C-alpha cells in the first residue's frame, strides 16, 4: 500500500453535554501511524450511499499498526500529509477490509 500521510492523533468523543453537544478533548501525546489518505472511490460511494455522503476523504491504515487503538464513528482524527499540512477530521464511517490477507481499516472522514 502506498502511504502518503501520518495519523498523529485519534480522539474519542466526550460524553454529550446537557445541551446535547459532543466535544473532543485532544488525546495526550502524538502518534506516528503511517497511512494512505485519498478521496472516497466511486465504488465506495455507490456501495455505501448516504452513509458516507458527507465524507470528503478516506484514511486507510493497516490494522496491526493501530495496535490497541480504535477508530470509530464520531472520533476525531488529525492527519499530517507528507507535505506537512495538518488536517483535522471527524470519522463518519469505518469499515474493516481484508485485502490479500492483510487486514485494513478504512475510515471515511469529513472536515471539522
N, C-alpha and C. Protein backbone atom coordinates (compact mmCIF):
# COMPACT_ATOMS: atom_id res chain seq x y z
N UNK A 1 0.85 -1.17 0.00
CA UNK A 1 0.00 0.00 0.00
C UNK A 1 0.90 1.24 0.00
N UNK A 2 0.61 2.16 -0.87
CA UNK A 2 1.31 3.43 -0.91
C UNK A 2 0.82 4.28 0.25
N UNK A 3 1.75 4.90 0.96
CA UNK A 3 1.38 5.72 2.11
C UNK A 3 1.80 7.16 1.84
N UNK A 4 0.91 8.09 2.11
CA UNK A 4 1.20 9.50 1.85
C UNK A 4 0.87 10.41 3.02
N UNK A 5 0.58 9.81 4.19
CA UNK A 5 0.17 10.60 5.34
C UNK A 5 0.49 9.86 6.63
N UNK A 6 0.36 10.59 7.74
CA UNK A 6 0.61 10.02 9.07
C UNK A 6 -0.51 10.46 10.01
N UNK A 7 -1.11 9.50 10.69
CA UNK A 7 -2.10 9.82 11.72
C UNK A 7 -1.32 10.25 12.95
N UNK A 8 -1.58 11.48 13.43
CA UNK A 8 -0.85 11.97 14.59
C UNK A 8 -1.71 12.01 15.86
N UNK A 9 -3.03 11.88 15.70
CA UNK A 9 -3.89 11.90 16.88
C UNK A 9 -5.23 11.24 16.56
N UNK A 10 -5.70 10.41 17.48
CA UNK A 10 -7.04 9.81 17.41
C UNK A 10 -7.71 10.13 18.73
N UNK A 11 -8.84 10.84 18.67
CA UNK A 11 -9.50 11.31 19.90
C UNK A 11 -10.95 10.82 19.94
N UNK A 12 -11.28 10.13 21.03
CA UNK A 12 -12.66 9.68 21.24
C UNK A 12 -13.51 10.86 21.69
N UNK A 13 -14.80 10.85 21.37
CA UNK A 13 -15.67 11.95 21.81
C UNK A 13 -15.93 11.89 23.31
N UNK A 14 -16.14 13.07 23.89
CA UNK A 14 -16.56 13.15 25.29
C UNK A 14 -18.05 12.84 25.37
N UNK A 15 -18.53 12.59 26.57
CA UNK A 15 -19.97 12.39 26.78
C UNK A 15 -20.69 13.69 26.40
N UNK A 16 -21.89 13.58 25.83
CA UNK A 16 -22.64 14.79 25.46
C UNK A 16 -22.93 15.68 26.66
N UNK A 17 -22.91 16.98 26.43
CA UNK A 17 -23.27 17.93 27.49
C UNK A 17 -24.77 17.88 27.72
N UNK A 18 -25.25 18.60 28.71
CA UNK A 18 -26.70 18.61 28.99
C UNK A 18 -27.48 19.18 27.81
N UNK A 19 -26.81 19.99 26.97
CA UNK A 19 -27.46 20.52 25.78
C UNK A 19 -27.31 19.62 24.56
N UNK A 20 -26.65 18.47 24.74
CA UNK A 20 -26.50 17.52 23.64
C UNK A 20 -25.27 17.74 22.79
N UNK A 21 -24.43 18.71 23.14
CA UNK A 21 -23.23 18.98 22.36
C UNK A 21 -22.14 17.96 22.68
N UNK A 22 -21.50 17.44 21.63
CA UNK A 22 -20.40 16.49 21.80
C UNK A 22 -19.09 17.20 21.50
N UNK A 23 -18.16 17.13 22.44
CA UNK A 23 -16.86 17.76 22.26
C UNK A 23 -15.78 16.69 22.24
N UNK A 24 -14.58 17.11 21.86
CA UNK A 24 -13.42 16.21 21.84
C UNK A 24 -12.29 16.87 22.60
N UNK A 25 -11.76 16.18 23.60
CA UNK A 25 -10.59 16.66 24.32
C UNK A 25 -9.39 16.01 23.66
N UNK A 26 -8.48 16.80 23.11
CA UNK A 26 -7.35 16.20 22.39
C UNK A 26 -6.61 15.17 23.24
N UNK A 27 -6.30 14.05 22.62
CA UNK A 27 -5.55 12.99 23.28
C UNK A 27 -4.14 13.50 23.61
N UNK A 28 -3.59 12.97 24.67
CA UNK A 28 -2.24 13.35 25.07
C UNK A 28 -1.23 12.61 24.20
N UNK A 29 -0.19 13.30 23.79
CA UNK A 29 0.86 12.66 23.00
C UNK A 29 0.57 12.71 21.52
N UNK A 30 1.59 12.34 20.78
CA UNK A 30 1.48 12.34 19.32
C UNK A 30 1.76 10.94 18.80
N UNK A 31 0.93 10.50 17.88
CA UNK A 31 1.12 9.20 17.24
C UNK A 31 1.95 9.38 15.97
N UNK A 32 2.35 8.29 15.38
CA UNK A 32 3.06 8.32 14.09
C UNK A 32 2.68 7.07 13.32
N UNK A 33 1.40 6.98 12.94
CA UNK A 33 0.89 5.81 12.24
C UNK A 33 0.78 6.14 10.75
N UNK A 34 1.60 5.50 9.94
CA UNK A 34 1.58 5.75 8.50
C UNK A 34 0.30 5.21 7.90
N UNK A 35 -0.24 5.94 6.90
CA UNK A 35 -1.50 5.57 6.28
C UNK A 35 -1.57 6.12 4.86
N UNK A 36 -2.63 5.77 4.18
CA UNK A 36 -2.93 6.31 2.85
C UNK A 36 -4.14 7.21 2.99
N UNK A 37 -4.02 8.45 2.58
CA UNK A 37 -5.16 9.35 2.55
C UNK A 37 -5.54 9.59 1.11
N UNK A 38 -6.84 9.45 0.81
CA UNK A 38 -7.32 9.66 -0.56
C UNK A 38 -8.79 10.05 -0.51
N UNK A 39 -9.34 10.33 -1.67
CA UNK A 39 -10.78 10.63 -1.75
C UNK A 39 -11.55 9.32 -1.78
N UNK A 40 -12.81 9.37 -1.33
CA UNK A 40 -13.64 8.16 -1.43
C UNK A 40 -13.78 7.75 -2.90
N UNK A 41 -13.69 6.46 -3.15
CA UNK A 41 -13.81 5.94 -4.51
C UNK A 41 -15.26 5.94 -4.95
N UNK A 42 -15.47 6.01 -6.24
CA UNK A 42 -16.82 5.98 -6.80
C UNK A 42 -17.56 4.71 -6.35
N UNK A 43 -16.86 3.59 -6.36
CA UNK A 43 -17.46 2.31 -5.96
C UNK A 43 -17.90 2.35 -4.49
N UNK A 44 -17.10 3.00 -3.65
CA UNK A 44 -17.46 3.12 -2.24
C UNK A 44 -18.69 3.99 -2.08
N UNK A 45 -18.75 5.09 -2.81
CA UNK A 45 -19.93 5.98 -2.73
C UNK A 45 -21.19 5.25 -3.18
N UNK A 46 -21.06 4.43 -4.23
CA UNK A 46 -22.22 3.69 -4.72
C UNK A 46 -22.64 2.62 -3.72
N UNK A 47 -21.68 1.92 -3.12
CA UNK A 47 -22.00 0.84 -2.20
C UNK A 47 -22.53 1.34 -0.86
N UNK A 48 -21.99 2.46 -0.37
CA UNK A 48 -22.36 2.94 0.95
C UNK A 48 -23.38 4.08 0.93
N UNK A 49 -23.61 4.66 -0.22
CA UNK A 49 -24.65 5.68 -0.40
C UNK A 49 -24.63 6.79 0.62
N UNK A 50 -25.78 7.00 1.26
CA UNK A 50 -25.94 8.13 2.18
C UNK A 50 -25.09 8.00 3.44
N UNK A 51 -24.61 6.81 3.72
CA UNK A 51 -23.79 6.60 4.92
C UNK A 51 -22.54 7.48 4.87
N UNK A 52 -21.99 7.69 3.67
CA UNK A 52 -20.76 8.47 3.55
C UNK A 52 -20.95 9.75 2.72
N UNK A 53 -22.15 10.24 2.63
CA UNK A 53 -22.43 11.44 1.85
C UNK A 53 -21.54 12.61 2.25
N UNK A 54 -21.32 12.80 3.54
CA UNK A 54 -20.54 13.94 3.99
C UNK A 54 -19.03 13.70 3.97
N UNK A 55 -18.60 12.48 3.65
CA UNK A 55 -17.17 12.16 3.64
C UNK A 55 -16.46 12.86 2.49
N UNK A 56 -15.36 13.51 2.81
CA UNK A 56 -14.57 14.19 1.79
C UNK A 56 -13.24 13.50 1.54
N UNK A 57 -12.85 12.63 2.47
CA UNK A 57 -11.58 11.93 2.32
C UNK A 57 -11.65 10.60 3.06
N UNK A 58 -10.71 9.73 2.77
CA UNK A 58 -10.59 8.47 3.48
C UNK A 58 -9.16 8.31 3.99
N UNK A 59 -9.05 7.52 5.04
CA UNK A 59 -7.73 7.12 5.54
C UNK A 59 -7.75 5.60 5.62
N UNK A 60 -6.76 4.98 5.01
CA UNK A 60 -6.61 3.52 5.07
C UNK A 60 -5.33 3.21 5.83
N UNK A 61 -5.46 2.38 6.86
CA UNK A 61 -4.30 2.03 7.68
C UNK A 61 -4.29 0.53 7.91
N UNK A 62 -3.11 -0.05 7.94
CA UNK A 62 -3.00 -1.47 8.26
C UNK A 62 -3.45 -1.68 9.70
N UNK A 63 -4.32 -2.65 9.92
CA UNK A 63 -4.91 -2.86 11.24
C UNK A 63 -3.87 -3.10 12.32
N UNK A 64 -2.80 -3.82 12.01
CA UNK A 64 -1.81 -4.11 13.04
C UNK A 64 -1.04 -2.87 13.47
N UNK A 65 -1.04 -1.82 12.66
CA UNK A 65 -0.37 -0.57 13.05
C UNK A 65 -1.15 0.19 14.12
N UNK A 66 -2.44 -0.09 14.23
CA UNK A 66 -3.26 0.58 15.25
C UNK A 66 -3.03 -0.01 16.64
N UNK A 67 -2.58 -1.25 16.68
CA UNK A 67 -2.37 -1.89 17.98
C UNK A 67 -3.66 -1.92 18.77
N UNK A 68 -3.65 -1.35 19.97
CA UNK A 68 -4.85 -1.34 20.81
C UNK A 68 -5.74 -0.13 20.55
N UNK A 69 -5.33 0.75 19.65
CA UNK A 69 -6.14 1.93 19.33
C UNK A 69 -7.34 1.56 18.48
N UNK A 70 -8.37 2.36 18.58
CA UNK A 70 -9.60 2.14 17.82
C UNK A 70 -9.94 3.40 17.05
N UNK A 71 -10.45 3.20 15.85
CA UNK A 71 -11.04 4.30 15.07
C UNK A 71 -12.52 3.96 14.93
N UNK A 72 -13.38 4.86 15.36
CA UNK A 72 -14.82 4.62 15.32
C UNK A 72 -15.55 5.89 14.91
N UNK A 73 -16.83 5.72 14.56
CA UNK A 73 -17.65 6.86 14.18
C UNK A 73 -17.65 7.91 15.28
N UNK A 74 -17.66 9.17 14.88
CA UNK A 74 -17.67 10.34 15.75
C UNK A 74 -16.33 10.63 16.43
N UNK A 75 -15.32 9.80 16.18
CA UNK A 75 -13.99 10.10 16.68
C UNK A 75 -13.43 11.26 15.86
N UNK A 76 -12.41 11.89 16.39
CA UNK A 76 -11.71 12.96 15.68
C UNK A 76 -10.31 12.46 15.37
N UNK A 77 -9.86 12.70 14.15
CA UNK A 77 -8.53 12.25 13.72
C UNK A 77 -7.77 13.43 13.15
N UNK A 78 -6.50 13.52 13.53
CA UNK A 78 -5.62 14.50 12.92
C UNK A 78 -4.61 13.75 12.06
N UNK A 79 -4.47 14.23 10.83
CA UNK A 79 -3.59 13.59 9.86
C UNK A 79 -2.63 14.63 9.31
N UNK A 80 -1.37 14.23 9.18
CA UNK A 80 -0.37 15.08 8.55
C UNK A 80 -0.04 14.47 7.20
N UNK A 81 -0.31 15.23 6.15
CA UNK A 81 0.09 14.78 4.82
C UNK A 81 1.60 14.87 4.71
N UNK A 82 2.17 14.15 3.77
CA UNK A 82 3.61 14.22 3.60
C UNK A 82 4.10 15.62 3.27
N UNK A 83 3.18 16.48 2.86
CA UNK A 83 3.54 17.88 2.60
C UNK A 83 3.57 18.70 3.89
N UNK A 84 3.36 18.04 5.03
CA UNK A 84 3.40 18.64 6.36
C UNK A 84 2.15 19.45 6.73
N UNK A 85 1.10 19.35 5.98
CA UNK A 85 -0.15 20.03 6.28
C UNK A 85 -0.95 19.18 7.26
N UNK A 86 -1.32 19.74 8.41
CA UNK A 86 -2.11 19.02 9.40
C UNK A 86 -3.59 19.30 9.13
N UNK A 87 -4.38 18.24 9.05
CA UNK A 87 -5.82 18.34 8.84
C UNK A 87 -6.53 17.63 9.98
N UNK A 88 -7.66 18.18 10.40
CA UNK A 88 -8.47 17.56 11.45
C UNK A 88 -9.80 17.16 10.84
N UNK A 89 -10.22 15.92 11.12
CA UNK A 89 -11.44 15.35 10.54
C UNK A 89 -12.28 14.66 11.60
N UNK A 90 -13.58 14.50 11.30
CA UNK A 90 -14.46 13.65 12.08
C UNK A 90 -14.68 12.36 11.29
N UNK A 91 -14.74 11.25 11.99
CA UNK A 91 -14.99 9.95 11.36
C UNK A 91 -16.50 9.79 11.17
N UNK A 92 -16.93 9.55 9.92
CA UNK A 92 -18.36 9.35 9.66
C UNK A 92 -18.71 7.89 9.47
N UNK A 93 -17.73 7.06 9.10
CA UNK A 93 -17.98 5.63 8.91
C UNK A 93 -16.66 4.89 8.87
N UNK A 94 -16.64 3.66 9.36
CA UNK A 94 -15.43 2.85 9.37
C UNK A 94 -15.78 1.46 8.85
N UNK A 95 -14.91 0.92 7.99
CA UNK A 95 -15.07 -0.46 7.56
C UNK A 95 -13.73 -1.18 7.70
N UNK A 96 -13.82 -2.46 8.02
CA UNK A 96 -12.64 -3.31 8.08
C UNK A 96 -12.60 -4.12 6.78
N UNK A 97 -11.43 -4.16 6.16
CA UNK A 97 -11.27 -4.88 4.90
C UNK A 97 -10.07 -5.80 5.03
N UNK A 98 -10.23 -7.04 4.54
CA UNK A 98 -9.10 -7.94 4.46
C UNK A 98 -8.78 -8.10 2.98
N UNK A 99 -7.69 -7.48 2.56
CA UNK A 99 -7.29 -7.50 1.16
C UNK A 99 -5.97 -8.25 1.05
N UNK A 100 -5.96 -9.30 0.27
CA UNK A 100 -4.78 -10.14 0.08
C UNK A 100 -4.25 -10.63 1.42
N UNK A 101 -5.15 -10.97 2.35
CA UNK A 101 -4.77 -11.50 3.65
C UNK A 101 -4.24 -10.46 4.62
N UNK A 102 -4.32 -9.18 4.27
CA UNK A 102 -3.81 -8.12 5.12
C UNK A 102 -4.98 -7.26 5.60
N UNK A 103 -5.30 -7.30 6.90
CA UNK A 103 -6.42 -6.50 7.41
C UNK A 103 -6.13 -5.00 7.35
N UNK A 104 -7.08 -4.26 6.85
CA UNK A 104 -7.01 -2.81 6.76
C UNK A 104 -8.22 -2.20 7.44
N UNK A 105 -8.06 -1.00 7.94
CA UNK A 105 -9.17 -0.22 8.46
C UNK A 105 -9.30 1.00 7.55
N UNK A 106 -10.51 1.20 7.02
CA UNK A 106 -10.77 2.36 6.18
C UNK A 106 -11.75 3.26 6.91
N UNK A 107 -11.31 4.50 7.18
CA UNK A 107 -12.16 5.48 7.85
C UNK A 107 -12.57 6.54 6.85
N UNK A 108 -13.87 6.78 6.75
CA UNK A 108 -14.40 7.84 5.89
C UNK A 108 -14.53 9.10 6.75
N UNK A 109 -13.95 10.19 6.31
CA UNK A 109 -13.81 11.38 7.13
C UNK A 109 -14.43 12.61 6.50
N UNK A 110 -14.83 13.54 7.36
CA UNK A 110 -15.28 14.86 6.90
C UNK A 110 -14.51 15.91 7.68
N UNK A 111 -14.31 17.06 7.05
CA UNK A 111 -13.58 18.15 7.71
C UNK A 111 -14.34 18.64 8.93
N UNK A 112 -13.59 19.09 9.93
CA UNK A 112 -14.21 19.61 11.14
C UNK A 112 -14.66 21.03 10.90
